[in-house]
Amino acid sequence: MIAIFCTNKSEIDSWFQMICFGKDQNTYFPVKLTVVVTYYVGTRTIKYVCPLLLILFYIRQCFMLSQYLKEQREYFSLKQIYIPSFIQDYCFLHKTILLAESALSLQIFWLLSSQFNSLFVLFSATLRYSSSSAFIVDLEYIIFAALQGVSFFVVIFFAAQVHEEDEELRHEVKDIAFQLKNLKGTEESYEALFLFLESKRPLALTASGLFQFKKNLLLTSAGILITYNLLILQLDIIYFA
């Protein structure tokens, strides 16, 4: 698009008039080009790049948290448990995950809603029944909609990993607690470990509390995307038959 701006004066004039609210401005071409390119890059950065950067940040946080939970579980699998240290580490992880949940869940909800909508429209346009045929030829939209669609499923996958690793860690802790219960002199350790585990609710990241990120959400989202598009396609065929 920037290459078109540099070679097409009429395109620059139309964009410049739009930016200046339709007023006829007697301005040199280099100034118009600078204004239009700055406007174009700035708006596209806010519209496309910033949401993707936030998504990448969220994915990275989910990956790190799930890895920390996995490391704790591996320590248990090696039976190298020191209960006070585990309680301290798990409390820190629990608070960190809840902090990430409270800070980003609303933003992630709106971003995922936008991404699902973009993916739905792109899929609809691909099936050639969308009324906006411009989406097919708009390479910019297709590229970013595809990136948003991929990031939609990637976010769900990595966010669901946090819940999955926490569930496996809890199962491992319960197994250790049961073994401690059957050993002499470790009943108090069993009680402390079990009560601590019961006092902490299972960890599951959510999108503004409306739905939890679990692996089955991947299949549900894909099912909704395919089912409703095929349904609309069938109705479209019947209507124009």
Protein backbone atom coordinates (compact mmCIF):
# COMPACT_ATOMS: atom_id res chain seq x y z
CA MET A 1 0.00 0.00 0.00
CA ILE A 2 2.84 2.40 0.78
CA ALA A 3 4.32 1.62 -2.65
CA ILE A 4 0.99 2.63 -4.20
CA PHE A 5 1.07 5.90 -2.27
CA CYS A 6 4.54 6.69 -3.60
CA THR A 7 3.56 6.11 -7.23
CA ASN A 8 -0.09 7.17 -7.37
CA LYS A 9 -0.69 10.89 -6.86
CA SER A 10 -4.49 10.63 -7.14
CA GLU A 11 -4.55 8.03 -4.36
CA ILE A 12 -2.53 10.36 -2.15
CA ASP A 13 -4.91 13.24 -2.91
CA SER A 14 -8.00 11.20 -2.01
CA TRP A 15 -6.48 9.96 1.25
CA PHE A 16 -5.24 13.44 2.13
CA GLN A 17 -8.69 14.94 1.57
CA MET A 18 -10.22 12.23 3.75
CA ILE A 19 -7.74 12.98 6.53
CA CYS A 20 -8.43 16.72 6.22
CA PHE A 21 -12.24 16.13 6.28
CA GLY A 22 -12.71 16.80 2.57
CA LYS A 23 -11.10 20.22 2.49
CA ASP A 24 -9.05 21.12 -0.56
CA GLN A 25 -5.55 21.70 0.71
CA ASN A 26 -2.92 23.29 -1.56
CA THR A 27 -0.03 21.33 -0.17
CA TYR A 28 3.12 19.99 -1.73
CA PHE A 29 3.12 16.31 -2.67
CA PRO A 30 5.96 15.30 -0.27
CA VAL A 31 4.01 16.79 2.65
CA LYS A 32 0.84 14.99 1.57
CA LEU A 33 2.79 11.75 1.21
CA THR A 34 4.29 12.11 4.70
CA VAL A 35 0.91 12.83 6.29
CA VAL A 36 -0.87 9.97 4.51
CA VAL A 37 1.86 7.39 5.18
CA THR A 38 2.06 8.43 8.85
CA TYR A 39 -1.71 8.17 9.19
CA TYR A 40 -1.83 4.81 7.41
CA VAL A 41 1.00 3.24 9.40
CA GLY A 42 -0.30 4.63 12.69
CA THR A 43 -3.87 3.41 12.22
CA ARG A 44 -2.79 -0.01 10.98
CA THR A 45 -0.38 -0.37 13.89
CA ILE A 46 -3.13 0.36 16.40
CA LYS A 47 -5.65 -1.83 14.58
CA TYR A 48 -3.52 -4.87 13.85
CA VAL A 49 -0.07 -4.83 15.44
CA CYS A 50 -0.91 -3.73 19.00
CA PRO A 51 -3.55 -6.46 19.55
CA LEU A 52 -1.16 -9.09 18.21
CA LEU A 53 1.60 -7.87 20.53
CA LEU A 54 -0.75 -8.13 23.52
CA ILE A 55 -1.71 -11.63 22.42
CA LEU A 56 1.96 -12.63 22.16
CA PHE A 57 2.59 -11.22 25.65
CA TYR A 58 -0.37 -13.20 27.04
CA ILE A 59 0.78 -16.40 25.33
CA ARG A 60 4.27 -15.96 26.75
CA GLN A 61 2.88 -15.48 30.27
CA CYS A 62 0.69 -18.57 29.95
CA PHE A 63 3.65 -20.61 28.72
CA MET A 64 5.87 -19.49 31.60
CA LEU A 65 3.19 -20.18 34.23
CA SER A 66 2.45 -23.63 32.83
CA GLN A 67 6.18 -24.42 32.81
CA TYR A 68 6.51 -23.39 36.46
CA LEU A 69 3.61 -25.66 37.37
CA LYS A 70 5.19 -28.46 35.34
CA GLU A 71 8.49 -28.06 37.19
CA GLN A 72 6.69 -28.34 40.53
CA ARG A 73 4.98 -31.51 39.32
CA GLU A 74 8.29 -33.02 38.18
CA TYR A 75 9.78 -32.44 41.64
CA PHE A 76 6.88 -34.42 43.03
CA SER A 77 7.36 -37.21 40.52
CA LEU A 78 10.95 -37.54 41.75
CA LYS A 79 9.60 -37.71 45.32
CA GLN A 80 11.88 -34.84 46.31
CA ILE A 81 9.28 -32.93 48.26
CA TYR A 82 9.87 -30.45 51.01
CA ILE A 83 6.40 -29.40 52.13
CA PRO A 84 7.13 -25.87 53.45
CA SER A 85 9.01 -25.04 50.26
CA PHE A 86 6.23 -26.43 48.10
CA ILE A 87 3.58 -24.43 49.97
CA GLN A 88 5.59 -21.24 49.56
CA ASP A 89 6.24 -21.83 45.84
CA TYR A 90 2.65 -22.81 45.08
CA CYS A 91 1.29 -19.79 46.96
CA PHE A 92 3.49 -17.55 44.86
CA LEU A 93 2.36 -19.22 41.63
CA HIS A 94 -1.27 -19.08 42.72
CA LYS A 95 -1.08 -15.34 43.43
CA THR A 96 0.78 -14.68 40.18
CA ILE A 97 -1.79 -16.52 38.08
CA LEU A 98 -4.69 -14.78 39.83
CA LEU A 99 -2.96 -11.44 39.26
CA ALA A 100 -2.58 -12.20 35.55
CA GLU A 101 -6.23 -13.25 35.47
CA SER A 102 -7.48 -10.02 37.04
CA ALA A 103 -5.21 -7.82 34.92
CA LEU A 104 -5.74 -9.32 31.47
CA SER A 105 -8.96 -11.34 31.39
CA LEU A 106 -11.20 -8.50 30.17
CA GLN A 107 -8.75 -7.41 27.46
CA ILE A 108 -8.33 -11.02 26.33
CA PHE A 109 -12.10 -11.45 26.13
CA TRP A 110 -12.52 -8.50 23.75
CA LEU A 111 -9.47 -9.49 21.72
CA LEU A 112 -10.68 -13.07 21.31
CA SER A 113 -14.15 -11.83 20.37
CA SER A 114 -12.63 -9.62 17.70
CA GLN A 115 -10.38 -12.40 16.45
CA PHE A 116 -13.22 -14.90 16.25
CA ASN A 117 -15.31 -12.37 14.33
CA SER A 118 -12.45 -11.77 11.87
CA LEU A 119 -11.94 -15.50 11.44
CA PHE A 120 -15.67 -16.04 10.92
CA VAL A 121 -15.86 -13.31 8.25
CA LEU A 122 -12.76 -14.61 6.48
CA PHE A 123 -14.13 -18.15 6.44
CA SER A 124 -17.48 -16.85 5.19
CA ALA A 125 -15.81 -14.87 2.41
CA THR A 126 -13.79 -17.92 1.40
CA LEU A 127 -17.04 -19.84 0.90
CA ARG A 128 -18.11 -16.99 -1.46
CA TYR A 129 -21.41 -16.04 0.09
CA SER A 130 -20.29 -12.93 1.97
CA SER A 131 -21.87 -9.74 0.66
CA SER A 132 -18.53 -7.94 1.06
CA SER A 133 -16.53 -9.37 -1.83
CA ALA A 134 -13.77 -6.83 -1.13
CA PHE A 135 -12.51 -9.12 1.62
CA ILE A 136 -11.42 -11.63 -1.01
CA VAL A 137 -9.18 -9.20 -2.86
CA ASP A 138 -7.99 -7.29 0.18
CA LEU A 139 -4.65 -8.96 0.80
CA GLU A 140 -4.00 -6.87 3.90
CA TYR A 141 -7.21 -8.02 5.55
CA ILE A 142 -6.66 -11.65 4.58
CA ILE A 143 -3.15 -11.73 6.05
CA PHE A 144 -4.08 -10.15 9.37
CA ALA A 145 -7.35 -12.07 9.66
CA ALA A 146 -5.40 -15.30 9.16
CA LEU A 147 -2.90 -14.24 11.84
CA GLN A 148 -5.74 -13.38 14.20
CA GLY A 149 -7.41 -16.72 13.51
CA VAL A 150 -4.22 -18.62 14.29
CA SER A 151 -3.56 -16.57 17.43
CA PHE A 152 -7.16 -17.22 18.58
CA PHE A 153 -6.56 -20.96 18.79
CA VAL A 154 -2.99 -20.57 20.07
CA VAL A 155 -4.21 -18.42 22.99
CA ILE A 156 -6.80 -21.03 23.95
CA PHE A 157 -4.21 -23.81 23.77
CA PHE A 158 -1.58 -22.14 25.95
CA ALA A 159 -4.11 -20.75 28.43
CA ALA A 160 -5.62 -24.22 28.77
CA GLN A 161 -2.15 -25.59 29.53
CA VAL A 162 -2.16 -23.68 32.83
CA HIS A 163 -5.33 -25.46 33.98
CA GLU A 164 -4.08 -28.82 32.73
CA GLU A 165 -0.72 -28.55 34.51
CA ASP A 166 -2.44 -27.44 37.72
CA GLU A 167 -4.76 -30.44 37.59
CA GLU A 168 -1.85 -32.84 37.11
CA LEU A 169 0.08 -31.17 39.93
CA ARG A 170 -2.90 -31.55 42.26
CA HIS A 171 -3.20 -35.24 41.41
CA GLU A 172 0.49 -35.71 42.16
CA VAL A 173 0.17 -33.87 45.48
CA LYS A 174 -2.83 -35.97 46.51
CA ASP A 175 -0.86 -39.11 45.71
CA ILE A 176 2.03 -37.92 47.90
CA ALA A 177 -0.38 -36.91 50.65
CA PHE A 178 -1.95 -40.38 50.62
CA GLN A 179 1.49 -41.99 50.92
CA LEU A 180 2.36 -39.71 53.85
CA LYS A 181 -0.87 -40.69 55.56
CA ASN A 182 0.14 -44.35 55.53
CA LEU A 183 3.61 -43.71 56.99
CA LYS A 184 4.20 -43.41 60.69
CA GLY A 185 5.21 -39.98 61.94
CA THR A 186 4.04 -38.16 58.81
CA GLU A 187 0.35 -37.75 59.66
CA GLU A 188 0.81 -34.05 60.43
CA SER A 189 2.54 -33.49 57.09
CA TYR A 190 -0.37 -35.20 55.36
CA GLU A 191 -2.92 -33.01 57.12
CA ALA A 192 -0.99 -29.82 56.36
CA LEU A 193 -0.53 -30.73 52.70
CA PHE A 194 -4.12 -31.83 52.20
CA LEU A 195 -5.66 -28.83 53.96
CA PHE A 196 -3.44 -26.45 52.03
CA LEU A 197 -4.45 -28.02 48.73
CA GLU A 198 -8.13 -27.83 49.62
CA SER A 199 -7.81 -24.17 50.59
CA LYS A 200 -6.64 -23.19 47.09
CA ARG A 201 -9.18 -23.28 44.30
CA PRO A 202 -8.13 -24.96 41.04
CA LEU A 203 -6.39 -22.62 38.65
CA ALA A 204 -8.12 -21.89 35.36
CA LEU A 205 -7.64 -18.75 33.31
CA THR A 206 -10.85 -17.19 32.01
CA ALA A 207 -11.96 -14.54 29.54
CA SER A 208 -13.57 -11.98 31.84
CA GLY A 209 -15.10 -14.87 33.81
CA LEU A 210 -17.46 -15.78 30.94
CA PHE A 211 -15.70 -19.01 29.97
CA GLN A 212 -12.68 -20.98 31.12
CA PHE A 213 -9.76 -21.84 28.91
CA LYS A 214 -9.77 -25.62 28.58
CA LYS A 215 -8.79 -27.92 25.75
CA ASN A 216 -12.41 -28.68 24.86
CA LEU A 217 -12.87 -24.99 24.03
CA LEU A 218 -10.68 -25.56 20.96
CA LEU A 219 -13.09 -28.13 19.54
CA THR A 220 -16.12 -26.08 20.56
CA SER A 221 -14.83 -22.96 18.78
CA ALA A 222 -13.91 -24.89 15.64
CA GLY A 223 -17.31 -26.61 15.69
CA ILE A 224 -19.17 -23.31 15.96
CA LEU A 225 -17.08 -21.78 13.18
CA ILE A 226 -17.68 -24.64 10.75
CA THR A 227 -21.29 -25.45 11.67
CA TYR A 228 -22.70 -21.95 11.43
CA ASN A 229 -20.85 -21.16 8.20
CA LEU A 230 -22.09 -24.35 6.56
CA LEU A 231 -25.61 -23.62 7.81
CA ILE A 232 -25.57 -20.13 6.33
CA LEU A 233 -24.11 -21.52 3.10
CA GLN A 234 -26.94 -24.04 2.87
CA LEU A 235 -29.55 -21.33 3.47
CA ASP A 236 -27.84 -19.18 0.85
CA ILE A 237 -28.04 -21.99 -1.72
CA ILE A 238 -31.74 -22.54 -0.97
CA TYR A 239 -32.48 -18.81 -1.20
CA PHE A 240 -30.85 -18.38 -4.61
CA ALA A 241 -32.06 -21.72 -5.99
